[in-house]
Amino acid sequence: MSIGKRCRIAITGGPGGGKSTAVDLFRRELGERVVAVPESATMLFAGGFPRTREPDARRHAQRAIFHVQRSLEDLYSSMYPHRVLLCDRGTVDGAAYWPSDGAFFPAMGTTLDTELARYDAVIFFESAAIGGMNIEGGNPCRIEDDVEASRLDRELLGLWSEHPNLKVISHRASFFEKIQEGFAAMKAVVDAHAEPGA
């Protein structure tokens, strides 16, 4: 199957939502129809970029994450021009992690509307913390507790809620059912961007 119009999907959500697992499963299932763009924050923090709660340091970190995320998406778009991009997080996400002065988008030299327009669809995986479940999963880059994960989930959803093609995958007791729902939503977007008759 060939892809018509360039398509970019942001797969996002609060910490402990299962989005990174979902991206990997979707990529394996759909093969060469898609390519997964890795999460820039995990790449930076796992590579030794310091992670701290100090406000000025958080601003520097989110600025770096934003520019790496944008560059990664554009790089993968150039390398794989005929594939749908599955983006593990999107450039909007940094606003939820930015210190609460509301200046994230001006600091990045952009607007929320501009960043939302980068994505044809958004699949939002609600954090397990929303359902009262512990999000501890052995991820050494995660520093949020369940309360903070719930707060971030709500802030992220508020930011992405303005996207016209948003699909929210709610928390479920069964992660398998959650992944199934997410896969169906993602596949529908991929199929919708396929060339007619392909």
N, C-alpha and C. Protein backbone atom coordinates (compact mmCIF):
# COMPACT_ATOMS: atom_id res chain seq x y z
N MET A 1 0.84 -1.19 0.00
CA MET A 1 0.00 0.00 0.00
C MET A 1 0.87 1.23 0.00
N SER A 2 0.59 2.18 -0.87
CA SER A 2 1.36 3.41 -0.89
C SER A 2 0.55 4.51 -0.22
N ILE A 3 1.27 5.47 0.32
CA ILE A 3 0.64 6.56 1.03
C ILE A 3 0.56 7.78 0.13
N GLY A 4 -0.60 8.45 0.11
CA GLY A 4 -0.78 9.63 -0.70
C GLY A 4 -0.21 10.84 -0.01
N LYS A 5 -1.10 11.69 0.52
CA LYS A 5 -0.67 12.90 1.21
C LYS A 5 0.23 12.56 2.40
N ARG A 6 1.29 13.38 2.59
CA ARG A 6 2.16 13.21 3.76
C ARG A 6 1.30 13.20 5.02
N CYS A 7 1.54 12.22 5.88
CA CYS A 7 0.74 12.07 7.09
C CYS A 7 1.64 11.95 8.30
N ARG A 8 1.28 12.69 9.34
CA ARG A 8 2.06 12.70 10.58
C ARG A 8 1.07 12.54 11.74
N ILE A 9 1.29 11.51 12.56
CA ILE A 9 0.42 11.24 13.69
C ILE A 9 1.20 11.44 14.98
N ALA A 10 0.67 12.26 15.88
CA ALA A 10 1.26 12.42 17.21
C ALA A 10 0.61 11.41 18.14
N ILE A 11 1.42 10.57 18.74
CA ILE A 11 0.93 9.62 19.74
C ILE A 11 1.44 10.11 21.08
N THR A 12 0.52 10.54 21.93
CA THR A 12 0.91 11.25 23.14
C THR A 12 0.05 10.84 24.32
N GLY A 13 0.19 11.54 25.42
CA GLY A 13 -0.57 11.24 26.63
C GLY A 13 0.30 11.43 27.86
N GLY A 14 -0.32 11.30 29.01
CA GLY A 14 0.41 11.46 30.26
C GLY A 14 1.37 10.33 30.52
N PRO A 15 2.29 10.52 31.47
CA PRO A 15 3.23 9.45 31.82
C PRO A 15 2.48 8.18 32.24
N GLY A 16 2.97 7.04 31.77
CA GLY A 16 2.34 5.78 32.14
C GLY A 16 1.09 5.46 31.35
N GLY A 17 0.96 6.06 30.16
CA GLY A 17 -0.20 5.79 29.32
C GLY A 17 -0.01 4.62 28.37
N GLY A 18 1.25 4.22 28.17
CA GLY A 18 1.53 3.11 27.25
C GLY A 18 1.80 3.53 25.83
N LYS A 19 2.02 4.82 25.61
CA LYS A 19 2.18 5.30 24.23
C LYS A 19 3.43 4.76 23.54
N SER A 20 4.56 4.69 24.26
CA SER A 20 5.79 4.20 23.63
C SER A 20 5.66 2.73 23.27
N THR A 21 5.03 1.95 24.14
CA THR A 21 4.75 0.55 23.83
C THR A 21 3.85 0.45 22.62
N ALA A 22 2.83 1.31 22.57
CA ALA A 22 1.89 1.30 21.45
C ALA A 22 2.59 1.63 20.14
N VAL A 23 3.45 2.65 20.15
CA VAL A 23 4.16 3.04 18.93
C VAL A 23 4.96 1.86 18.40
N ASP A 24 5.67 1.17 19.28
CA ASP A 24 6.49 0.03 18.85
C ASP A 24 5.63 -1.09 18.28
N LEU A 25 4.51 -1.39 18.92
CA LEU A 25 3.62 -2.43 18.42
C LEU A 25 3.01 -2.05 17.08
N PHE A 26 2.58 -0.79 16.95
CA PHE A 26 2.00 -0.35 15.68
C PHE A 26 3.01 -0.46 14.55
N ARG A 27 4.23 -0.06 14.83
CA ARG A 27 5.27 -0.11 13.81
C ARG A 27 5.50 -1.55 13.35
N ARG A 28 5.56 -2.47 14.31
CA ARG A 28 5.76 -3.88 13.96
C ARG A 28 4.60 -4.44 13.14
N GLU A 29 3.39 -4.04 13.51
CA GLU A 29 2.20 -4.57 12.85
C GLU A 29 2.03 -4.02 11.43
N LEU A 30 2.31 -2.74 11.25
CA LEU A 30 2.05 -2.10 9.96
C LEU A 30 3.26 -2.07 9.03
N GLY A 31 4.40 -2.48 9.53
CA GLY A 31 5.58 -2.62 8.67
C GLY A 31 5.96 -1.35 7.95
N GLU A 32 6.20 -1.46 6.66
CA GLU A 32 6.74 -0.36 5.88
C GLU A 32 5.73 0.72 5.53
N ARG A 33 4.51 0.57 6.00
CA ARG A 33 3.53 1.65 5.80
C ARG A 33 3.83 2.84 6.71
N VAL A 34 4.55 2.57 7.79
CA VAL A 34 4.80 3.62 8.78
C VAL A 34 6.27 3.61 9.19
N VAL A 35 6.67 4.68 9.87
CA VAL A 35 7.99 4.74 10.50
C VAL A 35 7.80 5.45 11.84
N ALA A 36 8.46 4.94 12.86
CA ALA A 36 8.32 5.50 14.20
C ALA A 36 9.40 6.55 14.45
N VAL A 37 8.97 7.74 14.85
CA VAL A 37 9.89 8.81 15.24
C VAL A 37 10.06 8.73 16.75
N PRO A 38 11.26 8.47 17.25
CA PRO A 38 11.45 8.27 18.69
C PRO A 38 11.18 9.52 19.51
N GLU A 39 10.91 9.31 20.79
CA GLU A 39 10.64 10.42 21.70
C GLU A 39 11.95 11.14 22.01
N SER A 40 12.01 12.42 21.71
CA SER A 40 13.25 13.17 21.89
C SER A 40 13.63 13.30 23.36
N ALA A 41 12.64 13.45 24.25
CA ALA A 41 12.96 13.60 25.68
C ALA A 41 13.68 12.38 26.21
N THR A 42 13.19 11.19 25.87
CA THR A 42 13.83 9.96 26.33
C THR A 42 15.25 9.85 25.77
N MET A 43 15.41 10.20 24.49
CA MET A 43 16.74 10.15 23.88
C MET A 43 17.71 11.05 24.64
N LEU A 44 17.28 12.27 24.95
CA LEU A 44 18.17 13.21 25.63
C LEU A 44 18.46 12.80 27.07
N PHE A 45 17.42 12.44 27.81
CA PHE A 45 17.63 12.08 29.22
C PHE A 45 18.40 10.77 29.36
N ALA A 46 18.12 9.81 28.50
CA ALA A 46 18.85 8.54 28.56
C ALA A 46 20.30 8.72 28.14
N GLY A 47 20.56 9.75 27.34
CA GLY A 47 21.91 10.02 26.88
C GLY A 47 22.74 10.85 27.84
N GLY A 48 22.15 11.21 28.98
CA GLY A 48 22.89 11.94 29.98
C GLY A 48 22.48 13.38 30.18
N PHE A 49 21.48 13.85 29.41
CA PHE A 49 21.00 15.21 29.59
C PHE A 49 20.38 15.32 30.98
N PRO A 50 20.80 16.28 31.81
CA PRO A 50 20.30 16.34 33.19
C PRO A 50 18.79 16.57 33.26
N ARG A 51 18.15 15.92 34.21
CA ARG A 51 16.73 16.14 34.46
C ARG A 51 16.55 16.62 35.88
N THR A 52 15.94 17.78 36.01
CA THR A 52 15.77 18.39 37.32
C THR A 52 14.44 19.12 37.37
N ARG A 53 13.98 19.44 38.56
CA ARG A 53 12.73 20.18 38.73
C ARG A 53 12.97 21.69 38.85
N GLU A 54 14.22 22.13 38.85
CA GLU A 54 14.54 23.55 38.99
C GLU A 54 14.01 24.29 37.75
N PRO A 55 13.23 25.37 37.94
CA PRO A 55 12.53 26.01 36.81
C PRO A 55 13.41 26.43 35.64
N ASP A 56 14.51 27.12 35.88
CA ASP A 56 15.35 27.55 34.76
C ASP A 56 15.93 26.36 34.01
N ALA A 57 16.33 25.34 34.75
CA ALA A 57 16.86 24.14 34.10
C ALA A 57 15.78 23.45 33.26
N ARG A 58 14.55 23.43 33.76
CA ARG A 58 13.45 22.84 33.00
C ARG A 58 13.22 23.59 31.69
N ARG A 59 13.35 24.90 31.74
CA ARG A 59 13.18 25.68 30.50
C ARG A 59 14.24 25.30 29.47
N HIS A 60 15.48 25.18 29.92
CA HIS A 60 16.55 24.78 28.98
C HIS A 60 16.29 23.39 28.43
N ALA A 61 15.87 22.48 29.29
CA ALA A 61 15.62 21.10 28.85
C ALA A 61 14.48 21.05 27.85
N GLN A 62 13.38 21.75 28.13
CA GLN A 62 12.24 21.70 27.22
C GLN A 62 12.54 22.40 25.90
N ARG A 63 13.38 23.42 25.94
CA ARG A 63 13.80 24.07 24.70
C ARG A 63 14.58 23.09 23.82
N ALA A 64 15.49 22.34 24.45
CA ALA A 64 16.27 21.35 23.70
C ALA A 64 15.36 20.25 23.16
N ILE A 65 14.46 19.75 24.00
CA ILE A 65 13.55 18.68 23.57
C ILE A 65 12.70 19.12 22.39
N PHE A 66 12.18 20.34 22.44
CA PHE A 66 11.35 20.86 21.36
C PHE A 66 12.10 20.86 20.03
N HIS A 67 13.31 21.40 20.04
CA HIS A 67 14.06 21.52 18.78
C HIS A 67 14.52 20.16 18.28
N VAL A 68 14.90 19.26 19.19
CA VAL A 68 15.27 17.91 18.76
C VAL A 68 14.05 17.18 18.18
N GLN A 69 12.88 17.33 18.83
CA GLN A 69 11.67 16.68 18.33
C GLN A 69 11.32 17.17 16.93
N ARG A 70 11.36 18.46 16.75
CA ARG A 70 11.05 19.02 15.42
C ARG A 70 12.03 18.49 14.37
N SER A 71 13.30 18.51 14.72
CA SER A 71 14.33 18.08 13.77
C SER A 71 14.21 16.59 13.47
N LEU A 72 13.91 15.78 14.48
CA LEU A 72 13.71 14.34 14.25
C LEU A 72 12.55 14.09 13.30
N GLU A 73 11.45 14.77 13.52
CA GLU A 73 10.28 14.59 12.65
C GLU A 73 10.62 14.97 11.22
N ASP A 74 11.30 16.09 11.04
CA ASP A 74 11.66 16.53 9.69
C ASP A 74 12.69 15.60 9.05
N LEU A 75 13.61 15.09 9.86
CA LEU A 75 14.60 14.14 9.37
C LEU A 75 13.94 12.86 8.87
N TYR A 76 13.04 12.29 9.69
CA TYR A 76 12.36 11.07 9.29
C TYR A 76 11.44 11.30 8.10
N SER A 77 10.85 12.48 8.03
CA SER A 77 10.00 12.81 6.88
C SER A 77 10.82 12.82 5.60
N SER A 78 12.05 13.33 5.69
CA SER A 78 12.94 13.37 4.53
C SER A 78 13.44 11.97 4.15
N MET A 79 13.75 11.17 5.17
CA MET A 79 14.29 9.83 4.92
C MET A 79 13.23 8.85 4.41
N TYR A 80 11.98 9.04 4.85
CA TYR A 80 10.90 8.11 4.51
C TYR A 80 9.70 8.89 3.95
N PRO A 81 9.85 9.46 2.76
CA PRO A 81 8.81 10.35 2.23
C PRO A 81 7.48 9.67 1.92
N HIS A 82 7.47 8.34 1.81
CA HIS A 82 6.23 7.65 1.46
C HIS A 82 5.62 6.89 2.62
N ARG A 83 6.10 7.17 3.83
CA ARG A 83 5.55 6.48 5.00
C ARG A 83 4.83 7.46 5.92
N VAL A 84 3.87 6.93 6.65
CA VAL A 84 3.22 7.71 7.70
C VAL A 84 4.18 7.79 8.88
N LEU A 85 4.32 8.98 9.46
CA LEU A 85 5.17 9.16 10.63
C LEU A 85 4.35 8.94 11.90
N LEU A 86 4.79 8.00 12.72
CA LEU A 86 4.20 7.79 14.04
C LEU A 86 5.14 8.48 15.02
N CYS A 87 4.73 9.63 15.53
CA CYS A 87 5.60 10.44 16.39
C CYS A 87 5.32 10.12 17.85
N ASP A 88 6.33 9.60 18.53
CA ASP A 88 6.22 9.33 19.96
C ASP A 88 6.34 10.68 20.67
N ARG A 89 5.20 11.25 20.99
CA ARG A 89 5.01 12.62 21.47
C ARG A 89 5.09 13.60 20.30
N GLY A 90 4.68 14.83 20.59
CA GLY A 90 4.71 15.89 19.58
C GLY A 90 5.28 17.16 20.17
N THR A 91 5.45 18.15 19.33
CA THR A 91 6.08 19.39 19.76
C THR A 91 5.21 20.20 20.72
N VAL A 92 3.93 19.89 20.81
CA VAL A 92 3.04 20.58 21.74
C VAL A 92 3.31 20.18 23.19
N ASP A 93 3.80 18.96 23.39
CA ASP A 93 3.89 18.38 24.74
C ASP A 93 4.74 19.20 25.71
N GLY A 94 5.76 19.86 25.20
CA GLY A 94 6.66 20.60 26.08
C GLY A 94 5.96 21.67 26.90
N ALA A 95 4.83 22.17 26.42
CA ALA A 95 4.11 23.22 27.15
C ALA A 95 3.61 22.73 28.50
N ALA A 96 3.32 21.43 28.61
CA ALA A 96 2.84 20.88 29.89
C ALA A 96 3.99 20.71 30.89
N TYR A 97 5.20 20.59 30.38
CA TYR A 97 6.37 20.38 31.24
C TYR A 97 7.11 21.69 31.54
N TRP A 98 6.73 22.75 30.85
CA TRP A 98 7.34 24.06 31.03
C TRP A 98 6.89 24.66 32.36
N PRO A 99 7.75 25.39 33.06
CA PRO A 99 7.31 26.06 34.30
C PRO A 99 6.07 26.92 34.05
N SER A 100 5.25 27.06 35.03
CA SER A 100 3.90 27.62 34.85
C SER A 100 3.89 29.13 34.66
N ASP A 101 4.57 29.60 33.60
CA ASP A 101 4.50 31.03 33.28
C ASP A 101 3.80 31.25 31.94
N GLY A 102 3.34 30.15 31.31
CA GLY A 102 2.57 30.25 30.09
C GLY A 102 3.34 30.74 28.88
N ALA A 103 4.65 30.72 28.94
CA ALA A 103 5.45 31.34 27.88
C ALA A 103 6.12 30.33 26.95
N PHE A 104 5.69 29.07 26.98
CA PHE A 104 6.39 28.05 26.20
C PHE A 104 6.41 28.37 24.71
N PHE A 105 5.26 28.57 24.11
CA PHE A 105 5.22 28.75 22.65
C PHE A 105 5.93 30.03 22.20
N PRO A 106 5.74 31.18 22.87
CA PRO A 106 6.55 32.35 22.49
C PRO A 106 8.05 32.10 22.65
N ALA A 107 8.43 31.36 23.69
CA ALA A 107 9.86 31.07 23.89
C ALA A 107 10.41 30.21 22.77
N MET A 108 9.57 29.39 22.16
CA MET A 108 10.01 28.55 21.04
C MET A 108 9.87 29.26 19.70
N GLY A 109 9.32 30.47 19.71
CA GLY A 109 9.15 31.22 18.46
C GLY A 109 8.03 30.67 17.60
N THR A 110 6.98 30.16 18.25
CA THR A 110 5.88 29.55 17.51
C THR A 110 4.59 29.79 18.27
N THR A 111 3.51 29.16 17.82
CA THR A 111 2.22 29.24 18.49
C THR A 111 1.64 27.84 18.64
N LEU A 112 0.67 27.71 19.53
CA LEU A 112 -0.01 26.42 19.69
C LEU A 112 -0.65 25.99 18.38
N ASP A 113 -1.31 26.91 17.69
CA ASP A 113 -1.97 26.57 16.43
C ASP A 113 -0.98 26.06 15.38
N THR A 114 0.18 26.70 15.32
CA THR A 114 1.20 26.27 14.35
C THR A 114 1.67 24.85 14.64
N GLU A 115 1.87 24.55 15.92
CA GLU A 115 2.36 23.21 16.28
C GLU A 115 1.27 22.15 16.11
N LEU A 116 0.03 22.49 16.44
CA LEU A 116 -1.07 21.53 16.22
C LEU A 116 -1.19 21.19 14.74
N ALA A 117 -0.96 22.18 13.88
CA ALA A 117 -1.11 21.99 12.44
C ALA A 117 -0.04 21.07 11.84
N ARG A 118 1.01 20.78 12.59
CA ARG A 118 2.04 19.86 12.10
C ARG A 118 1.51 18.42 11.98
N TYR A 119 0.44 18.12 12.69
CA TYR A 119 -0.03 16.74 12.81
C TYR A 119 -1.41 16.57 12.17
N ASP A 120 -1.54 15.51 11.40
CA ASP A 120 -2.83 15.22 10.77
C ASP A 120 -3.80 14.59 11.76
N ALA A 121 -3.27 13.93 12.76
CA ALA A 121 -4.12 13.29 13.76
C ALA A 121 -3.33 13.17 15.06
N VAL A 122 -4.07 13.05 16.15
CA VAL A 122 -3.48 12.89 17.47
C VAL A 122 -4.19 11.73 18.16
N ILE A 123 -3.40 10.77 18.65
CA ILE A 123 -3.95 9.68 19.44
C ILE A 123 -3.40 9.84 20.85
N PHE A 124 -4.32 10.08 21.79
CA PHE A 124 -3.95 10.43 23.15
C PHE A 124 -4.22 9.23 24.06
N PHE A 125 -3.14 8.68 24.64
CA PHE A 125 -3.25 7.56 25.57
C PHE A 125 -3.31 8.10 27.00
N GLU A 126 -4.46 7.99 27.60
CA GLU A 126 -4.64 8.48 28.96
C GLU A 126 -3.76 7.70 29.93
N SER A 127 -3.16 8.41 30.87
CA SER A 127 -2.28 7.78 31.86
C SER A 127 -3.04 6.80 32.74
N ALA A 128 -2.36 5.71 33.10
CA ALA A 128 -2.95 4.75 34.03
C ALA A 128 -3.20 5.39 35.39
N ALA A 129 -2.46 6.47 35.68
CA ALA A 129 -2.64 7.17 36.96
C ALA A 129 -4.04 7.75 37.08
N ILE A 130 -4.67 8.08 35.96
CA ILE A 130 -6.03 8.59 35.97
C ILE A 130 -6.99 7.55 36.55
N GLY A 131 -6.68 6.28 36.31
CA GLY A 131 -7.49 5.19 36.83
C GLY A 131 -7.05 4.70 38.19
N GLY A 132 -6.14 5.46 38.82
CA GLY A 132 -5.69 5.09 40.16
C GLY A 132 -4.64 3.99 40.18
N MET A 133 -4.04 3.69 39.03
CA MET A 133 -3.03 2.65 38.96
C MET A 133 -1.63 3.26 39.05
N ASN A 134 -0.71 2.53 39.63
CA ASN A 134 0.67 2.98 39.76
C ASN A 134 1.34 2.96 38.39
N ILE A 135 2.05 4.04 38.06
CA ILE A 135 2.68 4.13 36.74
C ILE A 135 4.13 3.66 36.75
N GLU A 136 4.63 3.23 37.90
CA GLU A 136 6.02 2.78 37.97
C GLU A 136 6.22 1.58 37.06
N GLY A 137 7.06 1.76 36.04
CA GLY A 137 7.28 0.68 35.10
C GLY A 137 8.74 0.42 34.82
N GLY A 138 9.62 0.95 35.66
CA GLY A 138 11.03 0.70 35.47
C GLY A 138 11.71 1.63 34.48
N ASN A 139 11.02 2.70 34.08
CA ASN A 139 11.62 3.66 33.17
C ASN A 139 12.52 4.61 33.97
N PRO A 140 13.85 4.53 33.79
CA PRO A 140 14.76 5.36 34.59
C PRO A 140 14.68 6.84 34.26
N CYS A 141 14.06 7.19 33.13
CA CYS A 141 13.94 8.59 32.74
C CYS A 141 12.70 9.25 33.33
N ARG A 142 11.83 8.46 33.96
CA ARG A 142 10.58 9.02 34.50
C ARG A 142 10.78 9.40 35.96
N ILE A 143 10.43 10.63 36.30
CA ILE A 143 10.57 11.08 37.69
C ILE A 143 9.21 11.43 38.31
N GLU A 144 8.14 11.36 37.50
CA GLU A 144 6.82 11.75 38.00
C GLU A 144 6.22 10.67 38.90
N ASP A 145 5.54 11.10 39.95
CA ASP A 145 4.75 10.16 40.73
C ASP A 145 3.34 10.13 40.15
N ASP A 146 2.44 9.36 40.76
CA ASP A 146 1.10 9.19 40.20
C ASP A 146 0.31 10.50 40.19
N VAL A 147 0.47 11.32 41.23
CA VAL A 147 -0.25 12.59 41.29
C VAL A 147 0.21 13.52 40.17
N GLU A 148 1.51 13.62 40.00
CA GLU A 148 2.03 14.49 38.94
C GLU A 148 1.69 13.95 37.56
N ALA A 149 1.68 12.63 37.41
CA ALA A 149 1.31 12.02 36.13
C ALA A 149 -0.13 12.38 35.77
N SER A 150 -1.02 12.37 36.76
CA SER A 150 -2.42 12.74 36.52
C SER A 150 -2.54 14.21 36.11
N ARG A 151 -1.79 15.06 36.79
CA ARG A 151 -1.81 16.49 36.45
C ARG A 151 -1.30 16.73 35.04
N LEU A 152 -0.19 16.09 34.70
CA LEU A 152 0.36 16.24 33.35
C LEU A 152 -0.59 15.71 32.29
N ASP A 153 -1.25 14.60 32.60
CA ASP A 153 -2.22 14.04 31.66
C ASP A 153 -3.31 15.05 31.34
N ARG A 154 -3.84 15.69 32.38
CA ARG A 154 -4.91 16.68 32.16
C ARG A 154 -4.40 17.90 31.38
N GLU A 155 -3.19 18.35 31.71
CA GLU A 155 -2.64 19.50 30.99
C GLU A 155 -2.38 19.18 29.52
N LEU A 156 -1.83 18.01 29.28
CA LEU A 156 -1.56 17.59 27.90
C LEU A 156 -2.86 17.47 27.10
N LEU A 157 -3.86 16.86 27.72
CA LEU A 157 -5.14 16.71 27.02
C LEU A 157 -5.76 18.07 26.73
N GLY A 158 -5.62 19.00 27.67
CA GLY A 158 -6.12 20.35 27.43
C GLY A 158 -5.45 21.01 26.23
N LEU A 159 -4.16 20.82 26.10
CA LEU A 159 -3.42 21.39 24.97
C LEU A 159 -3.84 20.76 23.65
N TRP A 160 -3.89 19.43 23.62
CA TRP A 160 -4.20 18.73 22.38
C TRP A 160 -5.68 18.76 22.03
N SER A 161 -6.54 19.14 22.98
CA SER A 161 -7.99 19.09 22.75
C SER A 161 -8.44 20.02 21.63
N GLU A 162 -7.59 20.98 21.28
CA GLU A 162 -7.94 21.89 20.20
C GLU A 162 -7.65 21.32 18.82
N HIS A 163 -7.05 20.13 18.76
CA HIS A 163 -6.78 19.52 17.45
C HIS A 163 -8.08 18.94 16.89
N PRO A 164 -8.36 19.19 15.60
CA PRO A 164 -9.63 18.72 15.03
C PRO A 164 -9.73 17.21 14.84
N ASN A 165 -8.62 16.52 14.89
CA ASN A 165 -8.64 15.07 14.67
C ASN A 165 -7.96 14.37 15.85
N LEU A 166 -8.56 14.54 17.03
CA LEU A 166 -8.03 13.95 18.27
C LEU A 166 -8.86 12.74 18.65
N LYS A 167 -8.18 11.66 18.97
CA LYS A 167 -8.83 10.45 19.47
C LYS A 167 -8.23 10.14 20.84
N VAL A 168 -9.06 10.12 21.87
CA VAL A 168 -8.61 9.82 23.22
C VAL A 168 -8.83 8.35 23.52
N ILE A 169 -7.75 7.67 23.90
CA ILE A 169 -7.82 6.26 24.30
C ILE A 169 -7.81 6.25 25.83
N SER A 170 -8.97 6.07 26.41
CA SER A 170 -9.12 6.17 27.86
C SER A 170 -8.43 5.01 28.58
N HIS A 171 -8.07 5.27 29.83
CA HIS A 171 -7.50 4.23 30.67
C HIS A 171 -8.48 3.08 30.80
N ARG A 172 -7.93 1.88 30.80
CA ARG A 172 -8.73 0.67 31.04
C ARG A 172 -7.95 -0.24 31.95
N ALA A 173 -8.68 -1.09 32.65
CA ALA A 173 -8.01 -2.08 33.49
C ALA A 173 -7.20 -3.04 32.63
N SER A 174 -7.68 -3.30 31.42
CA SER A 174 -6.99 -4.19 30.49
C SER A 174 -6.13 -3.38 29.53
N PHE A 175 -4.82 -3.50 29.66
CA PHE A 175 -3.93 -2.79 28.74
C PHE A 175 -4.08 -3.33 27.32
N PHE A 176 -4.36 -4.62 27.18
CA PHE A 176 -4.55 -5.23 25.87
C PHE A 176 -5.73 -4.57 25.15
N GLU A 177 -6.83 -4.36 25.85
CA GLU A 177 -8.00 -3.71 25.24
C GLU A 177 -7.68 -2.27 24.85
N LYS A 178 -6.91 -1.60 25.70
CA LYS A 178 -6.51 -0.23 25.41
C LYS A 178 -5.67 -0.17 24.14
N ILE A 179 -4.72 -1.08 24.01
CA ILE A 179 -3.87 -1.13 22.82
C ILE A 179 -4.71 -1.45 21.57
N GLN A 180 -5.66 -2.35 21.71
CA GLN A 180 -6.53 -2.69 20.57
C GLN A 180 -7.28 -1.46 20.08
N GLU A 181 -7.83 -0.69 21.02
CA GLU A 181 -8.57 0.51 20.64
C GLU A 181 -7.64 1.52 19.98
N GLY A 182 -6.44 1.68 20.54
CA GLY A 182 -5.48 2.60 19.96
C GLY A 182 -5.04 2.18 18.57
N PHE A 183 -4.83 0.87 18.41
CA PHE A 183 -4.41 0.37 17.10
C PHE A 183 -5.49 0.63 16.05
N ALA A 184 -6.74 0.40 16.41
CA ALA A 184 -7.84 0.63 15.46
C ALA A 184 -7.90 2.10 15.05
N ALA A 185 -7.70 3.00 16.02
CA ALA A 185 -7.72 4.43 15.72
C ALA A 185 -6.56 4.83 14.81
N MET A 186 -5.38 4.31 15.12
CA MET A 186 -4.21 4.64 14.32
C MET A 186 -4.32 4.07 12.91
N LYS A 187 -4.77 2.83 12.78
CA LYS A 187 -4.92 2.20 11.47
C LYS A 187 -5.94 2.95 10.61
N ALA A 188 -6.99 3.46 11.23
CA ALA A 188 -8.00 4.21 10.49
C ALA A 188 -7.37 5.46 9.86
N VAL A 189 -6.47 6.12 10.60
CA VAL A 189 -5.80 7.31 10.06
C VAL A 189 -4.88 6.92 8.90
N VAL A 190 -4.11 5.85 9.10
CA VAL A 190 -3.20 5.39 8.05
C VAL A 190 -3.98 5.03 6.79
N ASP A 191 -5.07 4.28 6.94
CA ASP A 191 -5.88 3.87 5.79
C ASP A 191 -6.50 5.08 5.09
N ALA A 192 -6.88 6.09 5.86
CA ALA A 192 -7.51 7.27 5.28
C ALA A 192 -6.53 8.07 4.41
N HIS A 193 -5.23 7.90 4.67
CA HIS A 193 -4.22 8.63 3.90
C HIS A 193 -3.58 7.79 2.81
N ALA A 194 -4.13 6.61 2.58
CA ALA A 194 -3.60 5.76 1.49
C ALA A 194 -4.12 6.28 0.15
N GLU A 195 -3.33 6.08 -0.87
CA GLU A 195 -3.74 6.48 -2.21
C GLU A 195 -4.93 5.63 -2.64
N PRO A 196 -5.92 6.22 -3.31
CA PRO A 196 -7.08 5.46 -3.77
C PRO A 196 -6.66 4.26 -4.63
N GLY A 197 -7.24 3.12 -4.34
CA GLY A 197 -6.93 1.91 -5.11
C GLY A 197 -5.65 1.22 -4.71
N ALA A 198 -4.93 1.78 -3.71
CA ALA A 198 -3.66 1.18 -3.32
C ALA A 198 -3.90 -0.03 -2.46
